[in-house]
Protein backbone atom coordinates (compact mmCIF):
# COMPACT_ATOMS: atom_id res chain seq x y z
CA VAL A 1 45.26 90.63 201.55
CA LEU A 2 47.28 88.76 198.86
CA GLU A 3 48.14 91.70 196.32
CA GLN A 4 46.67 95.19 195.47
CA ARG A 5 47.82 97.00 192.51
CA ARG A 6 47.14 99.44 189.64
CA GLY A 7 45.41 102.01 191.74
CA ARG A 8 43.79 105.02 189.77
CA TRP A 9 42.37 108.01 191.19
CA ALA A 10 39.13 109.18 189.79
CA PRO A 11 39.11 112.69 187.92
CA ILE A 12 39.32 115.75 190.09
CA GLY A 13 36.26 116.26 192.38
CA PHE A 14 35.70 112.57 193.30
CA PRO A 15 37.45 110.71 196.25
CA TRP A 16 37.59 107.35 194.69
CA ILE A 17 40.07 105.15 193.49
CA ILE A 18 39.76 101.95 191.52
CA TYR A 19 42.38 99.05 191.82
CA GLN A 20 43.05 95.42 191.22
CA ASP A 21 42.72 93.17 194.28
CA ARG A 22 43.86 89.60 194.21
CA VAL A 23 41.83 87.49 196.40
CA GLN A 24 42.10 83.61 197.31
CA THR A 25 38.81 81.42 196.52
CA GLY A 26 39.45 78.02 197.86
CA GLY A 27 42.52 76.65 196.28
CA THR A 28 42.74 79.30 193.61
CA SER A 29 43.35 83.04 193.36
CA HIS A 30 41.84 85.74 191.05
CA TYR A 31 41.84 89.45 190.60
CA ASP A 32 38.72 91.60 191.23
CA VAL A 33 38.49 95.22 190.39
CA ARG A 34 37.32 97.13 193.34
CA GLN A 35 36.48 100.72 194.23
CA VAL A 36 37.50 102.58 197.42
CA ASN A 37 36.49 105.93 198.92
CA ALA A 38 39.74 107.53 199.91
CA LEU A 39 38.07 109.61 202.58
CA ALA A 40 35.92 106.82 204.33
CA VAL A 41 38.18 104.06 203.43
CA SER A 42 35.20 101.92 202.24
CA ASP A 43 35.18 99.89 199.14
CA THR A 44 32.91 97.84 196.75
CA GLY A 45 33.38 95.22 193.95
CA ILE A 46 31.95 95.12 190.61
CA PRO A 47 29.67 92.17 189.90
CA ARG A 48 31.21 88.75 189.36
CA ARG A 49 29.86 86.16 187.18
CA THR A 50 32.03 83.04 187.67
CA GLY A 51 35.05 81.98 189.61
CA THR A 52 37.37 81.68 186.49
CA ILE A 53 37.43 85.37 185.83
CA ASN A 54 40.22 87.79 186.46
CA SER A 55 39.22 91.63 186.42
CA GLU A 56 42.09 93.77 185.56
CA HIS A 57 43.42 96.99 184.10
CA PRO A 58 40.59 99.37 185.37
CA ALA A 59 40.37 102.89 183.93
CA TRP A 60 38.01 105.86 184.71
CA SER A 61 35.65 107.51 182.34
CA PRO A 62 36.78 111.33 182.11
CA ASN A 63 33.81 112.32 184.15
CA GLY A 64 34.50 110.16 187.04
CA LEU A 65 31.11 108.44 186.82
CA ASP A 66 32.10 105.14 185.02
CA TYR A 67 35.15 102.77 184.46
CA VAL A 68 36.26 100.26 182.05
CA TRP A 69 38.22 97.15 182.69
CA SER A 70 39.50 93.82 181.11
CA GLU A 71 38.44 90.47 182.22
CA SER A 72 40.43 87.31 181.52
CA ASN A 73 39.39 83.78 181.65
CA ILE A 74 41.61 81.78 184.19
CA VAL A 75 41.22 78.56 182.16
CA ASN A 76 41.93 79.65 178.82
CA SER A 77 43.53 83.26 179.13
CA SER A 78 41.08 84.82 176.77
CA HIS A 79 40.20 88.61 177.48
CA ALA A 80 37.12 90.64 177.18
CA ILE A 81 36.44 94.52 177.93
CA TYR A 82 33.55 95.72 180.08
CA ARG A 83 32.48 99.20 181.40
CA THR A 84 30.09 100.03 184.06
CA VAL A 85 26.59 101.58 183.19
CA PRO A 86 23.81 102.97 185.60
CA ASN A 87 22.22 99.64 185.81
CA GLY A 88 25.27 97.40 186.09
CA LEU A 89 27.78 96.58 183.17
CA ILE A 90 27.94 95.79 179.59
CA ALA A 91 30.60 94.11 177.48
CA LEU A 92 32.28 96.20 174.95
CA ARG A 93 34.53 93.85 173.25
CA ASN A 94 33.97 90.21 173.78
CA VAL A 95 36.69 88.76 171.65
CA ARG A 96 39.97 86.78 172.57
CA ASP A 97 42.71 88.83 174.20
CA ALA A 98 41.05 92.30 174.21
CA ASN A 99 43.16 94.07 176.92
CA SER A 100 44.25 97.49 178.63
CA PRO A 101 41.48 99.68 177.86
CA THR A 102 41.61 103.55 178.37
CA TRP A 103 39.04 106.19 177.71
CA SER A 104 39.69 109.07 175.28
CA PRO A 105 39.55 112.55 176.94
CA ASP A 106 36.35 113.45 175.15
CA ALA A 107 34.76 110.12 176.45
CA LEU A 108 33.87 109.14 172.93
CA ARG A 109 36.34 106.24 172.15
CA ILE A 110 38.34 103.62 174.15
CA VAL A 111 41.86 102.45 172.91
CA PHE A 112 42.92 99.07 173.83
CA ASP A 113 45.38 96.34 172.73
CA GLU A 114 44.12 92.88 171.36
CA PHE A 115 45.85 89.86 169.92
CA THR A 116 45.26 90.10 166.17
CA LEU A 117 45.54 87.60 163.26
CA GLY A 118 47.84 88.87 160.81
CA THR A 119 46.56 89.48 157.24
CA GLY A 120 48.45 89.95 153.90
CA GLY A 121 51.55 88.12 155.14
CA LEU A 122 51.69 89.92 158.45
CA PRO A 123 52.34 87.80 161.50
CA ASN A 124 49.78 87.36 164.48
CA ALA A 125 50.68 89.84 167.12
CA THR A 126 48.98 92.18 169.68
CA GLN A 127 47.98 95.60 168.05
CA ILE A 128 46.30 98.61 169.19
CA TRP A 129 42.67 99.34 168.26
CA VAL A 130 40.00 101.85 169.07
CA MET A 131 36.34 101.63 169.46
CA ASN A 132 33.18 103.55 170.63
CA ALA A 133 32.87 103.95 174.19
CA THR A 134 29.22 103.65 174.48
CA ASP A 135 28.65 100.25 172.77
CA GLY A 136 32.03 98.95 171.51
CA GLY A 137 31.00 99.75 167.82
CA ASN A 138 33.13 100.94 165.07
CA PRO A 139 36.31 98.94 166.11
CA VAL A 140 39.48 100.13 164.05
CA GLN A 141 42.85 98.61 164.12
CA LEU A 142 45.70 101.29 164.28
CA THR A 143 48.99 99.36 164.29
CA THR A 144 50.18 96.49 162.18
CA THR A 145 53.99 96.53 162.79
CA GLY A 146 55.60 94.52 165.46
CA SER A 147 53.63 93.85 168.65
CA ASN A 148 52.04 96.76 170.31
CA PHE A 149 50.19 97.21 173.61
CA ALA A 150 49.62 99.32 176.55
CA PRO A 151 48.08 102.38 174.74
CA TYR A 152 47.33 105.76 176.43
CA TRP A 153 45.72 108.85 175.06
CA SER A 154 47.41 112.39 175.36
CA PRO A 155 45.48 114.84 177.36
CA ASP A 156 44.06 116.71 174.18
CA GLY A 157 43.06 113.35 172.49
CA THR A 158 45.13 113.89 169.33
CA LYS A 159 47.92 111.37 170.05
CA ILE A 160 48.21 108.00 171.42
CA VAL A 161 51.54 106.60 173.10
CA PHE A 162 52.12 102.72 173.32
CA THR A 163 54.73 100.22 173.69
CA ARG A 164 56.28 98.23 170.63
CA TYR A 165 58.12 95.12 170.62
CA ASP A 166 60.15 94.57 167.49
CA GLY A 167 61.38 91.13 168.35
CA SER A 168 64.47 92.27 170.07
CA GLN A 169 63.45 95.17 172.54
CA TYR A 170 60.77 97.26 173.78
CA ASP A 171 60.22 100.94 173.03
CA LEU A 172 57.91 103.72 173.34
CA TRP A 173 56.11 104.90 170.26
CA VAL A 174 53.60 107.75 169.69
CA MET A 175 50.97 108.14 166.97
CA ASP A 176 47.98 110.25 165.92
CA ALA A 177 44.75 109.09 167.17
CA ASN A 178 43.85 107.65 163.72
CA GLY A 179 46.88 105.64 163.69
CA GLY A 180 49.00 107.81 161.37
CA ASN A 181 52.49 109.39 161.91
CA GLN A 182 53.84 106.56 164.08
CA VAL A 183 57.32 107.90 165.72
CA ASN A 184 59.74 106.06 167.79
CA LEU A 185 60.27 108.15 171.03
CA THR A 186 63.01 105.61 172.59
CA ASN A 187 65.66 103.50 171.05
CA THR A 188 68.18 102.53 173.76
CA PRO A 189 70.25 99.47 172.69
CA GLY A 190 70.12 96.88 175.46
CA SER A 191 67.42 98.58 177.38
CA HIS A 192 63.61 98.01 177.49
CA GLU A 193 61.40 101.21 177.64
CA THR A 194 57.73 100.27 178.51
CA SER A 195 54.41 102.03 179.55
CA ALA A 196 54.34 100.14 182.89
CA SER A 197 54.13 103.57 184.88
CA TRP A 198 53.73 106.69 183.02
CA ARG A 199 51.27 109.52 182.18
CA TRP A 200 51.16 112.50 179.96
CA ASN A 201 52.38 115.79 181.49
CA LEU A 202 49.77 118.22 180.90
CA GLN A 203 52.11 121.20 180.80
CA THR A 204 55.16 120.04 179.39
CA ARG A 205 54.11 117.09 177.17
CA HIS A 206 56.81 114.85 178.82
CA LEU A 207 56.44 111.32 179.54
CA CYS A 208 57.44 109.40 182.62
CA PHE A 209 58.03 105.50 182.01
CA GLY A 210 59.66 102.36 183.32
């Protein structure tokens, strides 16, 4: 075993965990997304198409029946977003550098970050987007200022918390689900606050982060 990380429990009632598994194939290594039964300690992997693909950032659907993840091409570092369906998998967002997908609590939308070409004088940067969870339709860009990534929904689906890099430091921000009312939550000079390891607290609405 080279490396296993980003383990995610399925919603309550399911004994499954999804995670990233780094494996060696010939002289190269790549990541697979795998699913393990926490009770039986047995696992399965999603279908692979080529040896140049990394499967990363898995996230469960609210009902625990499907999951979404991003795939990166080892050769050119481009990303795409996929989800499982009863008969296999489908591509939701097959454009360059779509990453870090997360399902909304109502299962209708997926928030993600994507390298975005700037318009109206804005620079190229990673921005937060949302799209339909069923087919990837109706993509909407939510952020335009700075570089924004690693989004995550609040439990009630009304807010999205994310990391913003302003050119000098990383801070946590929160916004409405439609991109409005963007508020800086952390701003500690000389310190980088990111969403590498945090979740919304259902009772107190507090966040943990690294």
